[in-house]
Amino acid sequence: MKKFKLTFIKPIALVIFFLLTVPVYSISKKHKQQTEKALSLSIVQLSNLYNQISLIPDRLPYTINEKGKLVTINAKNWTSGFFPGSLWYLYEYSGKEEMKKAALEMTERIREQEHMTTNHDIGFMIFCSFGNALRLTGNKEFEKVIVTAARSLSTRFSKQLGVIKSWDNDNWQYPVIIDNMMNLELLTQATKISGDSVFYHIAVSHADTTMKYHFRADGSSYHLVSYDTINGGYVERKTYQGLHDESAWARGQAWGLYGYVMMYRETKKQAYLDQAIKIANYIADHKNLPEDKIPYWDFNVPDIPNALRDASAGAVMASALVELSTFTNNKLSAKFYSLGKQMVNALASPAYMAKKGENGYFILKHSVAFMAKNREVDVPLNYADYYFLEALTRIRKIEAKKRVFNQ
């Protein structure tokens, strides 16, 4: 009787296993096809955008205006590194020499910004462009640019306060915005290149101080903290680009999440991983996170479900969550990877991703730059495209069982 039961159960078990695994395989295959389709369409879009901008000397693409016309920026704009960086991700995917040439050309347009000391955005500008250029070409010439830029950024660091000043602005004593966390990777990489630990210690000091003053008990963050240059500590905390000072501006939460995931990768300090997990859980478990997981422009907007989404915030969050999943275990890893993929899949859908030839040749629709000032509202933005491509690249590597980072 025992023998009969054993031989009977085995084929049933195989059938159950087959029924359970086929849908999973089909879903995985479908997502892979969607990823490849999104990247292929991105090549078409940004190749056309490159063809336009290559004819306009010293400019880079930013967004489109209300008439659908291209809006360009000069190299000093904080977003100047995102288009070159996007081209580098597409070169990484395609291996096409013409994409590499385009990326190099656009990257060179911002080289002079390595000497900029007037704000913190040099990290965005130089690392997204020259950082990816170095990673994908190994050209030692780019190392010099990164180290020079790190020295420029370091001039804005206050030993007294322990943070890098964001803006030279008379409205606040010593303003530091959560976005500044994104610039710290320039510093950690400069230490790896040069061996000078000063850059690394500045990055750690800034991350530690930001963790102390920028965050609320629930894991959400203020946008801006103005520090007290006389007595230390802070004078005021505000959410300058959000709904109100105590609200959770979506892209601000994204910058914070990404920054602490990155700083954990660079330092292996447990406090940074804990902070990243806390922010990620705040986002994932928030009652106002929509079904498709692309956040409203602020988590506290009153006009849900009619409030505008911010695809750029979703793209930054997705990229950070995918990486965070590689540093966490079991349930948390599955939770964060699943959420990141849901965000990417939503962004790759017709609801957010432009059709071929539309959207001024940008990839994503429906981003919000600055709602309070009605600046770039419900439009494409170059940084939304950049972090979307980064998230797609990370997902492809994880699913191919490759390392997300070559360290």
Foldseek 3Di string as FASTA:
>chain_A
DVVVVVVVVVVVVVVVVVVVVVVVVVVVVVLVVLLVVLLVLLCLLLVVVLVVCVVPPQWDFWFADPVLHTDIDGLPDLQQQLSLLLLLLSCVVPVDPVSVVSSVVSLVSNLVCLQDQAFLSLLNRLCSRLVSVCQVPVPCVSLVSLLSSLVSQVVQADPQQLAGAGHPDPVFQGKDFLLSLSSLVSLLVNCVSPVDCPSVSSNVSHLVSCVVQFADPQLAGFGMFGFDPPPTDTDDTANQQDDTRPWRQLLSLLSNLQSLLVNCVSPVDVVSLVSNLSSLCCLLVQPQQDPLRQHFRISPDPPPPVGFGALLSLLSQLLSLLSSLVVDDDPSSCSSPVSSSSSLSVCSDVVFADDRPPQSSQGTFGHCDGVVVPPPGGIDGSSSSSSSSLSSLQVVCVVVVHDSDDD
